[in-house]
Amino acid sequence: MQQNISNFFNIFGKLAENDYFCRVKSTVDGGGGTGVPHFIMQNSVMLKQEEIRELVKQEAIARGLFLVDVKVNNQNVIEVEIDSEGGIGIKECIEVNKAIEALLDREKNDFELTVASPGLGQPLKVFEQYQKNIGKTLDIVTVTGEKLKGVLLEASLEEGIALEVSEKRVVDGTSRKRAMVVEVYKMKLEEIKTAKVVISFK
């Protein structure tokens, strides 16, 4: 029975200017239109994550996007995250989804594919995400456990990031007066355990 490819689109809307979340999912149904995912056949070959990563990376770069993450489990369920400097919408997710579909052979490798933008509130995973979020407020936890919240001023692969942190501190040890103190922290990317963009709905 000829396989039918079903695409399911869930758009979670525009939450802020140039900030979108989109998800495009491709599965295989049994031809009856039920949309029940059909995952792995006995003769299916397990896909290699690094090979999929390279395919997705090439397709993303060709469209002015960047790859955030690729996950492939032992049932050939592929989860792809992509993004761009200006944010992405459903159109970009669909294009990359179709491009990956065209490069993979379902007769040889049965799979389920999801292409999405990074979820809101998720940790930053690649350098390009730091570049994209310059000027925004980040919550950072360092590898030593220090917690910082501030505005991302700059990001460099070589130099790391600069974070402007503003907080009220006691101005001297003899009084309880507190003043706003602004300090710039610089750290290498490898010194960061997690970094998340602070979401504002103002």
N, C-alpha and C. Protein backbone atom coordinates (compact mmCIF):
# COMPACT_ATOMS: atom_id res chain seq x y z
N MET A 1 0.85 -1.19 0.00
CA MET A 1 0.00 0.00 0.00
C MET A 1 0.89 1.24 0.00
N GLN A 2 0.54 2.14 -0.88
CA GLN A 2 1.37 3.34 -0.99
C GLN A 2 1.31 4.16 0.29
N GLN A 3 2.46 4.61 0.75
CA GLN A 3 2.52 5.38 1.98
C GLN A 3 2.11 6.82 1.72
N ASN A 4 1.37 7.38 2.64
CA ASN A 4 0.99 8.78 2.56
C ASN A 4 1.71 9.55 3.64
N ILE A 5 2.32 10.65 3.26
CA ILE A 5 3.03 11.49 4.22
C ILE A 5 2.07 12.56 4.72
N SER A 6 1.91 12.62 6.04
CA SER A 6 1.00 13.61 6.63
C SER A 6 1.81 14.64 7.39
N ASN A 7 1.57 15.90 7.12
CA ASN A 7 2.26 16.98 7.82
C ASN A 7 1.29 17.65 8.78
N PHE A 8 1.70 17.76 10.01
CA PHE A 8 0.87 18.40 11.02
C PHE A 8 1.55 19.69 11.47
N PHE A 9 0.83 20.80 11.39
CA PHE A 9 1.42 22.09 11.70
C PHE A 9 0.77 22.68 12.94
N ASN A 10 1.57 22.98 13.94
CA ASN A 10 1.08 23.64 15.14
C ASN A 10 1.85 24.94 15.31
N ILE A 11 1.17 26.05 15.21
CA ILE A 11 1.83 27.34 15.35
C ILE A 11 1.41 27.94 16.68
N PHE A 12 2.38 28.28 17.49
CA PHE A 12 2.08 28.81 18.81
C PHE A 12 2.08 30.34 18.83
N GLY A 13 2.16 30.93 17.64
CA GLY A 13 1.91 32.36 17.53
C GLY A 13 3.13 33.23 17.75
N LYS A 14 2.93 34.48 17.44
CA LYS A 14 3.99 35.47 17.59
C LYS A 14 3.91 36.04 18.99
N LEU A 15 4.92 35.76 19.81
CA LEU A 15 4.91 36.19 21.20
C LEU A 15 5.61 37.53 21.39
N ALA A 16 6.54 37.83 20.53
CA ALA A 16 7.22 39.12 20.57
C ALA A 16 7.76 39.36 19.17
N GLU A 17 8.17 40.56 18.88
CA GLU A 17 8.62 40.86 17.53
C GLU A 17 9.79 39.97 17.15
N ASN A 18 9.65 39.28 16.02
CA ASN A 18 10.65 38.36 15.48
C ASN A 18 10.87 37.13 16.35
N ASP A 19 9.99 36.86 17.30
CA ASP A 19 10.11 35.66 18.13
C ASP A 19 8.94 34.75 17.84
N TYR A 20 9.20 33.61 17.20
CA TYR A 20 8.16 32.67 16.84
C TYR A 20 8.49 31.31 17.42
N PHE A 21 7.45 30.50 17.54
CA PHE A 21 7.68 29.08 17.81
C PHE A 21 6.87 28.31 16.79
N CYS A 22 7.51 27.44 16.04
CA CYS A 22 6.78 26.65 15.05
C CYS A 22 7.22 25.20 15.15
N ARG A 23 6.33 24.32 14.70
CA ARG A 23 6.65 22.90 14.71
C ARG A 23 6.00 22.24 13.51
N VAL A 24 6.79 21.49 12.77
CA VAL A 24 6.30 20.74 11.62
C VAL A 24 6.67 19.28 11.83
N LYS A 25 5.66 18.41 11.77
CA LYS A 25 5.88 17.00 12.07
C LYS A 25 5.44 16.16 10.89
N SER A 26 6.29 15.25 10.44
CA SER A 26 5.96 14.34 9.36
C SER A 26 5.94 12.92 9.89
N THR A 27 4.84 12.21 9.65
CA THR A 27 4.75 10.81 10.02
C THR A 27 4.20 10.05 8.83
N VAL A 28 4.12 8.76 8.98
CA VAL A 28 3.57 7.92 7.92
C VAL A 28 2.30 7.28 8.44
N ASP A 29 1.20 7.33 7.65
CA ASP A 29 0.02 6.60 8.07
C ASP A 29 -0.17 5.38 7.18
N GLY A 30 -1.11 4.58 7.53
CA GLY A 30 -1.29 3.32 6.83
C GLY A 30 -2.07 3.44 5.55
N GLY A 31 -2.36 4.65 5.08
CA GLY A 31 -3.08 4.81 3.84
C GLY A 31 -4.55 5.08 4.05
N GLY A 32 -5.04 4.89 5.26
CA GLY A 32 -6.45 5.10 5.53
C GLY A 32 -6.76 6.49 6.01
N GLY A 33 -5.73 7.33 6.12
CA GLY A 33 -5.97 8.70 6.52
C GLY A 33 -6.15 8.88 8.01
N THR A 34 -5.81 7.86 8.80
CA THR A 34 -6.00 7.97 10.24
C THR A 34 -4.91 8.80 10.88
N GLY A 35 -3.76 8.89 10.22
CA GLY A 35 -2.67 9.68 10.77
C GLY A 35 -1.95 9.00 11.92
N VAL A 36 -2.18 7.70 12.11
CA VAL A 36 -1.50 6.98 13.18
C VAL A 36 -0.05 6.77 12.79
N PRO A 37 0.91 7.26 13.58
CA PRO A 37 2.32 7.12 13.20
C PRO A 37 2.73 5.66 13.07
N HIS A 38 3.49 5.38 12.03
CA HIS A 38 4.07 4.05 11.82
C HIS A 38 5.57 4.21 11.93
N PHE A 39 6.16 3.63 12.95
CA PHE A 39 7.53 3.98 13.28
C PHE A 39 8.58 3.11 12.60
N ILE A 40 8.82 1.91 13.08
CA ILE A 40 9.95 1.14 12.60
C ILE A 40 9.50 -0.22 12.07
N MET A 41 9.90 -0.52 10.84
CA MET A 41 9.66 -1.85 10.29
C MET A 41 10.86 -2.73 10.63
N GLN A 42 10.67 -4.03 10.56
CA GLN A 42 11.72 -4.95 10.98
C GLN A 42 12.99 -4.79 10.17
N ASN A 43 12.85 -4.43 8.89
CA ASN A 43 14.04 -4.31 8.05
C ASN A 43 14.57 -2.88 7.98
N SER A 44 14.04 -2.00 8.85
CA SER A 44 14.49 -0.61 8.85
C SER A 44 15.89 -0.50 9.44
N VAL A 45 16.68 0.42 8.89
CA VAL A 45 18.04 0.64 9.36
C VAL A 45 18.06 1.87 10.27
N MET A 46 18.74 1.76 11.39
CA MET A 46 18.80 2.88 12.33
C MET A 46 19.62 4.02 11.73
N LEU A 47 19.05 5.21 11.75
CA LEU A 47 19.72 6.38 11.20
C LEU A 47 20.80 6.88 12.15
N LYS A 48 21.88 7.43 11.59
CA LYS A 48 22.98 7.93 12.40
C LYS A 48 22.80 9.43 12.65
N GLN A 49 22.89 9.81 13.91
CA GLN A 49 22.63 11.19 14.29
C GLN A 49 23.57 12.18 13.61
N GLU A 50 24.86 11.85 13.54
CA GLU A 50 25.82 12.78 12.95
C GLU A 50 25.57 12.98 11.45
N GLU A 51 25.13 11.92 10.77
CA GLU A 51 24.82 12.05 9.35
C GLU A 51 23.61 12.95 9.14
N ILE A 52 22.59 12.77 9.98
CA ILE A 52 21.40 13.62 9.91
C ILE A 52 21.77 15.06 10.24
N ARG A 53 22.64 15.24 11.24
CA ARG A 53 23.06 16.59 11.63
C ARG A 53 23.71 17.32 10.46
N GLU A 54 24.57 16.64 9.72
CA GLU A 54 25.24 17.27 8.58
C GLU A 54 24.25 17.63 7.48
N LEU A 55 23.29 16.74 7.23
CA LEU A 55 22.27 17.03 6.22
C LEU A 55 21.46 18.26 6.59
N VAL A 56 21.02 18.30 7.85
CA VAL A 56 20.20 19.43 8.31
C VAL A 56 21.00 20.72 8.30
N LYS A 57 22.25 20.64 8.73
CA LYS A 57 23.11 21.83 8.77
C LYS A 57 23.25 22.45 7.40
N GLN A 58 23.47 21.61 6.39
CA GLN A 58 23.62 22.10 5.02
C GLN A 58 22.33 22.76 4.53
N GLU A 59 21.19 22.13 4.81
CA GLU A 59 19.91 22.68 4.37
C GLU A 59 19.60 23.99 5.10
N ALA A 60 19.96 24.06 6.37
CA ALA A 60 19.72 25.28 7.14
C ALA A 60 20.57 26.44 6.61
N ILE A 61 21.86 26.19 6.42
CA ILE A 61 22.77 27.23 5.94
C ILE A 61 22.33 27.73 4.57
N ALA A 62 21.88 26.83 3.72
CA ALA A 62 21.44 27.21 2.37
C ALA A 62 20.27 28.17 2.40
N ARG A 63 19.54 28.19 3.51
CA ARG A 63 18.36 29.06 3.64
C ARG A 63 18.60 30.23 4.59
N GLY A 64 19.85 30.45 4.96
CA GLY A 64 20.16 31.55 5.86
C GLY A 64 19.76 31.29 7.30
N LEU A 65 19.65 30.01 7.65
CA LEU A 65 19.28 29.61 9.01
C LEU A 65 20.49 28.99 9.69
N PHE A 66 20.33 28.63 10.96
CA PHE A 66 21.38 27.87 11.63
C PHE A 66 20.77 26.72 12.42
N LEU A 67 21.55 25.67 12.55
CA LEU A 67 21.11 24.48 13.27
C LEU A 67 21.32 24.67 14.76
N VAL A 68 20.29 24.36 15.54
CA VAL A 68 20.39 24.43 16.99
C VAL A 68 20.63 23.05 17.58
N ASP A 69 19.85 22.07 17.15
CA ASP A 69 20.00 20.73 17.72
C ASP A 69 19.37 19.68 16.81
N VAL A 70 19.90 18.47 16.88
CA VAL A 70 19.33 17.32 16.20
C VAL A 70 19.39 16.13 17.16
N LYS A 71 18.26 15.44 17.31
CA LYS A 71 18.22 14.24 18.12
C LYS A 71 17.61 13.11 17.30
N VAL A 72 18.23 11.94 17.36
CA VAL A 72 17.71 10.76 16.68
C VAL A 72 17.74 9.61 17.68
N ASN A 73 16.56 9.04 17.99
CA ASN A 73 16.56 7.93 18.94
C ASN A 73 16.62 6.59 18.22
N ASN A 74 16.58 5.49 18.98
CA ASN A 74 16.76 4.17 18.38
C ASN A 74 15.54 3.69 17.60
N GLN A 75 14.47 4.50 17.56
CA GLN A 75 13.31 4.19 16.73
C GLN A 75 13.25 5.11 15.50
N ASN A 76 14.35 5.78 15.23
CA ASN A 76 14.44 6.71 14.10
C ASN A 76 13.45 7.86 14.20
N VAL A 77 13.18 8.29 15.41
CA VAL A 77 12.39 9.51 15.61
C VAL A 77 13.38 10.68 15.60
N ILE A 78 13.25 11.54 14.61
CA ILE A 78 14.20 12.64 14.40
C ILE A 78 13.57 13.95 14.87
N GLU A 79 14.25 14.64 15.76
CA GLU A 79 13.80 15.95 16.24
C GLU A 79 14.85 16.99 15.87
N VAL A 80 14.43 17.98 15.10
CA VAL A 80 15.34 19.00 14.59
C VAL A 80 14.91 20.37 15.11
N GLU A 81 15.88 21.16 15.58
CA GLU A 81 15.63 22.54 15.96
C GLU A 81 16.48 23.45 15.09
N ILE A 82 15.83 24.45 14.48
CA ILE A 82 16.52 25.42 13.64
C ILE A 82 16.11 26.82 14.05
N ASP A 83 16.91 27.81 13.66
CA ASP A 83 16.59 29.19 14.00
C ASP A 83 17.33 30.11 13.03
N SER A 84 17.12 31.41 13.17
CA SER A 84 17.85 32.39 12.37
C SER A 84 18.00 33.67 13.18
N GLU A 85 18.81 34.57 12.69
CA GLU A 85 19.06 35.84 13.37
C GLU A 85 17.77 36.61 13.60
N GLY A 86 16.87 36.57 12.62
CA GLY A 86 15.62 37.32 12.73
C GLY A 86 14.44 36.49 13.19
N GLY A 87 14.69 35.24 13.61
CA GLY A 87 13.60 34.36 14.00
C GLY A 87 13.02 33.64 12.79
N ILE A 88 12.30 32.56 13.02
CA ILE A 88 11.71 31.80 11.92
C ILE A 88 10.23 31.58 12.16
N GLY A 89 9.54 31.26 11.07
CA GLY A 89 8.12 30.98 11.14
C GLY A 89 7.82 29.61 10.54
N ILE A 90 6.55 29.36 10.32
CA ILE A 90 6.12 28.06 9.83
C ILE A 90 6.68 27.77 8.44
N LYS A 91 6.86 28.80 7.61
CA LYS A 91 7.36 28.61 6.25
C LYS A 91 8.73 27.95 6.26
N GLU A 92 9.64 28.46 7.08
CA GLU A 92 10.99 27.91 7.13
C GLU A 92 10.99 26.47 7.66
N CYS A 93 10.14 26.21 8.65
CA CYS A 93 10.06 24.86 9.20
C CYS A 93 9.57 23.87 8.14
N ILE A 94 8.58 24.29 7.35
CA ILE A 94 8.05 23.43 6.29
C ILE A 94 9.12 23.16 5.24
N GLU A 95 9.85 24.20 4.83
CA GLU A 95 10.86 24.05 3.79
C GLU A 95 11.95 23.07 4.21
N VAL A 96 12.43 23.20 5.44
CA VAL A 96 13.49 22.31 5.92
C VAL A 96 12.95 20.90 6.09
N ASN A 97 11.72 20.78 6.58
CA ASN A 97 11.08 19.48 6.73
C ASN A 97 11.02 18.74 5.39
N LYS A 98 10.56 19.44 4.35
CA LYS A 98 10.45 18.83 3.03
C LYS A 98 11.82 18.48 2.45
N ALA A 99 12.81 19.35 2.70
CA ALA A 99 14.15 19.10 2.18
C ALA A 99 14.76 17.85 2.80
N ILE A 100 14.59 17.68 4.10
CA ILE A 100 15.12 16.49 4.77
C ILE A 100 14.39 15.25 4.30
N GLU A 101 13.06 15.36 4.17
CA GLU A 101 12.26 14.24 3.67
C GLU A 101 12.79 13.76 2.32
N ALA A 102 13.13 14.72 1.44
CA ALA A 102 13.58 14.38 0.10
C ALA A 102 14.94 13.69 0.10
N LEU A 103 15.74 13.95 1.14
CA LEU A 103 17.09 13.38 1.20
C LEU A 103 17.13 12.00 1.84
N LEU A 104 16.06 11.64 2.55
CA LEU A 104 16.02 10.35 3.23
C LEU A 104 15.12 9.38 2.47
N ASP A 105 15.47 8.12 2.52
CA ASP A 105 14.75 7.07 1.80
C ASP A 105 13.88 6.28 2.77
N ARG A 106 12.57 6.47 2.69
CA ARG A 106 11.67 5.76 3.60
C ARG A 106 11.62 4.26 3.32
N GLU A 107 11.95 3.86 2.10
CA GLU A 107 11.97 2.43 1.79
C GLU A 107 13.09 1.73 2.56
N LYS A 108 14.16 2.48 2.81
CA LYS A 108 15.32 1.92 3.52
C LYS A 108 15.29 2.26 5.00
N ASN A 109 14.90 3.50 5.31
CA ASN A 109 14.91 3.97 6.69
C ASN A 109 13.55 4.58 7.04
N ASP A 110 12.71 3.83 7.72
CA ASP A 110 11.44 4.37 8.17
C ASP A 110 11.72 5.33 9.31
N PHE A 111 11.03 6.46 9.36
CA PHE A 111 11.34 7.46 10.38
C PHE A 111 10.16 8.38 10.64
N GLU A 112 10.23 9.07 11.76
CA GLU A 112 9.31 10.16 12.08
C GLU A 112 10.15 11.42 12.22
N LEU A 113 9.72 12.51 11.61
CA LEU A 113 10.52 13.74 11.57
C LEU A 113 9.74 14.93 12.11
N THR A 114 10.36 15.66 13.02
CA THR A 114 9.80 16.91 13.53
C THR A 114 10.82 18.01 13.35
N VAL A 115 10.42 19.11 12.72
CA VAL A 115 11.27 20.29 12.56
C VAL A 115 10.61 21.44 13.31
N ALA A 116 11.34 22.06 14.21
CA ALA A 116 10.75 23.11 15.04
C ALA A 116 11.76 24.20 15.34
N SER A 117 11.25 25.34 15.76
CA SER A 117 12.12 26.37 16.31
C SER A 117 12.33 26.06 17.79
N PRO A 118 13.38 26.60 18.41
CA PRO A 118 13.61 26.33 19.83
C PRO A 118 12.44 26.81 20.68
N GLY A 119 12.07 26.02 21.66
CA GLY A 119 10.97 26.39 22.54
C GLY A 119 11.32 27.57 23.43
N LEU A 120 10.32 28.37 23.75
CA LEU A 120 10.54 29.51 24.64
C LEU A 120 10.98 29.02 26.02
N GLY A 121 11.96 29.70 26.57
CA GLY A 121 12.45 29.35 27.90
C GLY A 121 13.45 28.21 27.92
N GLN A 122 13.77 27.67 26.73
CA GLN A 122 14.75 26.59 26.67
C GLN A 122 16.17 27.16 26.73
N PRO A 123 17.12 26.42 27.30
CA PRO A 123 18.50 26.91 27.36
C PRO A 123 19.09 27.14 25.97
N LEU A 124 19.96 28.14 25.86
CA LEU A 124 20.68 28.37 24.61
C LEU A 124 21.67 27.23 24.41
N LYS A 125 21.76 26.74 23.18
CA LYS A 125 22.59 25.57 22.91
C LYS A 125 23.79 25.85 22.01
N VAL A 126 23.68 26.87 21.15
CA VAL A 126 24.76 27.14 20.20
C VAL A 126 25.12 28.62 20.23
N PHE A 127 26.32 28.93 19.76
CA PHE A 127 26.82 30.30 19.80
C PHE A 127 25.91 31.27 19.06
N GLU A 128 25.36 30.84 17.92
CA GLU A 128 24.50 31.73 17.13
C GLU A 128 23.31 32.24 17.93
N GLN A 129 22.85 31.46 18.90
CA GLN A 129 21.73 31.91 19.73
C GLN A 129 22.15 33.06 20.64
N TYR A 130 23.39 33.05 21.10
CA TYR A 130 23.89 34.18 21.90
C TYR A 130 23.95 35.43 21.03
N GLN A 131 24.46 35.29 19.82
CA GLN A 131 24.52 36.43 18.91
C GLN A 131 23.13 37.00 18.65
N LYS A 132 22.17 36.13 18.44
CA LYS A 132 20.81 36.55 18.14
C LYS A 132 20.19 37.33 19.30
N ASN A 133 20.58 36.99 20.52
CA ASN A 133 19.92 37.56 21.69
C ASN A 133 20.72 38.67 22.37
N ILE A 134 21.68 39.26 21.66
CA ILE A 134 22.38 40.43 22.19
C ILE A 134 21.36 41.55 22.44
N GLY A 135 21.45 42.14 23.62
CA GLY A 135 20.49 43.19 23.99
C GLY A 135 19.34 42.68 24.84
N LYS A 136 19.23 41.36 24.95
CA LYS A 136 18.16 40.78 25.75
C LYS A 136 18.69 40.34 27.12
N THR A 137 17.77 40.14 28.05
CA THR A 137 18.14 39.74 29.40
C THR A 137 18.25 38.21 29.48
N LEU A 138 19.35 37.75 30.07
CA LEU A 138 19.57 36.31 30.23
C LEU A 138 19.65 35.93 31.70
N ASP A 139 19.16 34.73 31.99
CA ASP A 139 19.41 34.08 33.28
C ASP A 139 20.52 33.07 33.04
N ILE A 140 21.63 33.23 33.76
CA ILE A 140 22.78 32.37 33.53
C ILE A 140 23.17 31.65 34.83
N VAL A 141 23.49 30.38 34.69
CA VAL A 141 24.09 29.60 35.77
C VAL A 141 25.44 29.14 35.27
N THR A 142 26.50 29.48 36.00
CA THR A 142 27.85 29.10 35.58
C THR A 142 28.15 27.67 36.03
N VAL A 143 29.24 27.13 35.53
CA VAL A 143 29.62 25.76 35.90
C VAL A 143 29.98 25.66 37.38
N THR A 144 30.29 26.80 38.00
CA THR A 144 30.60 26.80 39.44
C THR A 144 29.35 27.00 40.29
N GLY A 145 28.19 27.18 39.64
CA GLY A 145 26.94 27.33 40.37
C GLY A 145 26.50 28.77 40.60
N GLU A 146 27.29 29.74 40.16
CA GLU A 146 26.93 31.15 40.33
C GLU A 146 25.75 31.50 39.42
N LYS A 147 24.79 32.26 39.97
CA LYS A 147 23.62 32.65 39.19
C LYS A 147 23.68 34.15 38.89
N LEU A 148 23.49 34.48 37.62
CA LEU A 148 23.56 35.87 37.17
C LEU A 148 22.37 36.18 36.27
N LYS A 149 21.87 37.40 36.39
CA LYS A 149 20.78 37.86 35.52
C LYS A 149 21.14 39.24 35.02
N GLY A 150 21.24 39.38 33.69
CA GLY A 150 21.63 40.67 33.16
C GLY A 150 21.44 40.75 31.66
N VAL A 151 21.79 41.89 31.11
CA VAL A 151 21.63 42.14 29.68
C VAL A 151 22.88 41.68 28.94
N LEU A 152 22.67 40.89 27.89
CA LEU A 152 23.79 40.41 27.08
C LEU A 152 24.30 41.54 26.20
N LEU A 153 25.53 41.96 26.42
CA LEU A 153 26.10 43.10 25.69
C LEU A 153 26.82 42.67 24.42
N GLU A 154 27.51 41.55 24.48
CA GLU A 154 28.28 41.09 23.32
C GLU A 154 28.51 39.59 23.42
N ALA A 155 28.82 38.99 22.27
CA ALA A 155 29.10 37.55 22.23
C ALA A 155 30.15 37.28 21.17
N SER A 156 31.16 36.53 21.55
CA SER A 156 32.26 36.21 20.64
C SER A 156 32.72 34.78 20.91
N LEU A 157 33.01 34.05 19.84
CA LEU A 157 33.50 32.68 20.01
C LEU A 157 34.82 32.65 20.77
N GLU A 158 35.67 33.64 20.50
CA GLU A 158 36.99 33.67 21.13
C GLU A 158 36.93 34.24 22.55
N GLU A 159 36.22 35.36 22.71
CA GLU A 159 36.22 36.07 23.98
C GLU A 159 35.08 35.68 24.91
N GLY A 160 34.07 35.01 24.39
CA GLY A 160 32.92 34.67 25.22
C GLY A 160 31.88 35.77 25.22
N ILE A 161 31.20 35.96 26.35
CA ILE A 161 30.13 36.95 26.42
C ILE A 161 30.42 38.01 27.47
N ALA A 162 29.73 39.15 27.33
CA ALA A 162 29.76 40.20 28.35
C ALA A 162 28.32 40.40 28.80
N LEU A 163 28.10 40.33 30.11
CA LEU A 163 26.76 40.43 30.69
C LEU A 163 26.71 41.59 31.67
N GLU A 164 25.80 42.53 31.42
CA GLU A 164 25.64 43.69 32.30
C GLU A 164 24.62 43.36 33.38
N VAL A 165 25.09 43.30 34.61
CA VAL A 165 24.24 42.93 35.74
C VAL A 165 23.99 44.15 36.62
N SER A 166 22.72 44.45 36.86
CA SER A 166 22.35 45.57 37.73
C SER A 166 21.66 45.02 38.97
N GLU A 167 22.15 45.41 40.13
CA GLU A 167 21.54 44.94 41.38
C GLU A 167 21.76 45.95 42.50
N LYS A 168 20.84 45.93 43.45
CA LYS A 168 20.96 46.83 44.59
C LYS A 168 21.89 46.22 45.64
N ARG A 169 22.83 47.04 46.11
CA ARG A 169 23.78 46.59 47.12
C ARG A 169 23.90 47.64 48.21
N VAL A 170 24.31 47.20 49.38
CA VAL A 170 24.58 48.13 50.48
C VAL A 170 25.80 48.95 50.09
N VAL A 171 25.68 50.30 50.19
CA VAL A 171 26.75 51.17 49.71
C VAL A 171 27.95 51.20 50.65
N ASP A 172 27.72 50.97 51.93
CA ASP A 172 28.85 50.87 52.86
C ASP A 172 28.44 49.96 54.01
N GLY A 173 29.40 49.59 54.78
CA GLY A 173 29.14 48.62 55.83
C GLY A 173 28.50 49.18 57.08
N THR A 174 28.34 50.50 57.15
CA THR A 174 27.82 51.11 58.38
C THR A 174 26.37 51.56 58.26
N SER A 175 25.77 51.43 57.09
CA SER A 175 24.38 51.85 56.92
C SER A 175 23.61 50.79 56.15
N ARG A 176 22.30 51.00 56.13
CA ARG A 176 21.46 50.07 55.39
C ARG A 176 21.04 50.64 54.04
N LYS A 177 21.66 51.73 53.66
CA LYS A 177 21.33 52.31 52.36
C LYS A 177 21.79 51.38 51.25
N ARG A 178 20.91 51.25 50.26
CA ARG A 178 21.23 50.40 49.12
C ARG A 178 21.19 51.24 47.85
N ALA A 179 22.10 50.98 46.98
CA ALA A 179 22.17 51.71 45.71
C ALA A 179 22.28 50.72 44.57
N MET A 180 21.82 51.15 43.40
CA MET A 180 21.91 50.29 42.22
C MET A 180 23.35 50.28 41.71
N VAL A 181 23.90 49.10 41.62
CA VAL A 181 25.27 48.94 41.14
C VAL A 181 25.24 48.16 39.83
N VAL A 182 25.93 48.70 38.84
CA VAL A 182 26.00 48.05 37.53
C VAL A 182 27.40 47.48 37.34
N GLU A 183 27.45 46.20 37.01
CA GLU A 183 28.74 45.54 36.83
C GLU A 183 28.69 44.67 35.58
N VAL A 184 29.78 44.66 34.83
CA VAL A 184 29.85 43.85 33.62
C VAL A 184 30.69 42.60 33.90
N TYR A 185 30.07 41.45 33.69
CA TYR A 185 30.75 40.17 33.87
C TYR A 185 31.15 39.63 32.50
N LYS A 186 32.37 39.15 32.40
CA LYS A 186 32.82 38.52 31.16
C LYS A 186 33.17 37.07 31.45
N MET A 187 32.73 36.19 30.55
CA MET A 187 32.99 34.76 30.76
C MET A 187 33.04 34.04 29.42
N LYS A 188 33.80 32.96 29.40
CA LYS A 188 33.88 32.10 28.22
C LYS A 188 32.60 31.26 28.13
N LEU A 189 32.28 30.83 26.92
CA LEU A 189 31.08 30.02 26.74
C LEU A 189 31.17 28.70 27.52
N GLU A 190 32.38 28.16 27.62
CA GLU A 190 32.54 26.90 28.34
C GLU A 190 32.37 27.06 29.85
N GLU A 191 32.34 28.30 30.33
CA GLU A 191 32.10 28.56 31.75
C GLU A 191 30.61 28.62 32.09
N ILE A 192 29.77 28.56 31.06
CA ILE A 192 28.33 28.67 31.25
C ILE A 192 27.70 27.28 31.26
N LYS A 193 26.98 26.98 32.33
CA LYS A 193 26.26 25.71 32.41
C LYS A 193 24.93 25.81 31.67
N THR A 194 24.14 26.83 32.00
CA THR A 194 22.88 27.08 31.28
C THR A 194 22.68 28.59 31.12
N ALA A 195 22.05 28.95 30.02
CA ALA A 195 21.69 30.35 29.77
C ALA A 195 20.32 30.36 29.12
N LYS A 196 19.40 31.13 29.70
CA LYS A 196 18.04 31.22 29.17
C LYS A 196 17.66 32.67 28.98
N VAL A 197 16.93 32.93 27.90
CA VAL A 197 16.42 34.28 27.66
C VAL A 197 15.23 34.51 28.59
N VAL A 198 15.24 35.65 29.28
CA VAL A 198 14.11 36.00 30.15
C VAL A 198 12.97 36.50 29.27
N ILE A 199 11.83 35.83 29.35
CA ILE A 199 10.68 36.18 28.53
C ILE A 199 9.89 37.31 29.17
N SER A 200 9.66 38.36 28.40
CA SER A 200 8.87 39.49 28.87
C SER A 200 7.62 39.62 28.02
N PHE A 201 6.47 39.76 28.67
CA PHE A 201 5.20 39.89 27.95
C PHE A 201 4.68 41.33 28.00
N LYS A 202 5.58 42.27 28.30
CA LYS A 202 5.19 43.68 28.35
C LYS A 202 4.90 44.19 26.94
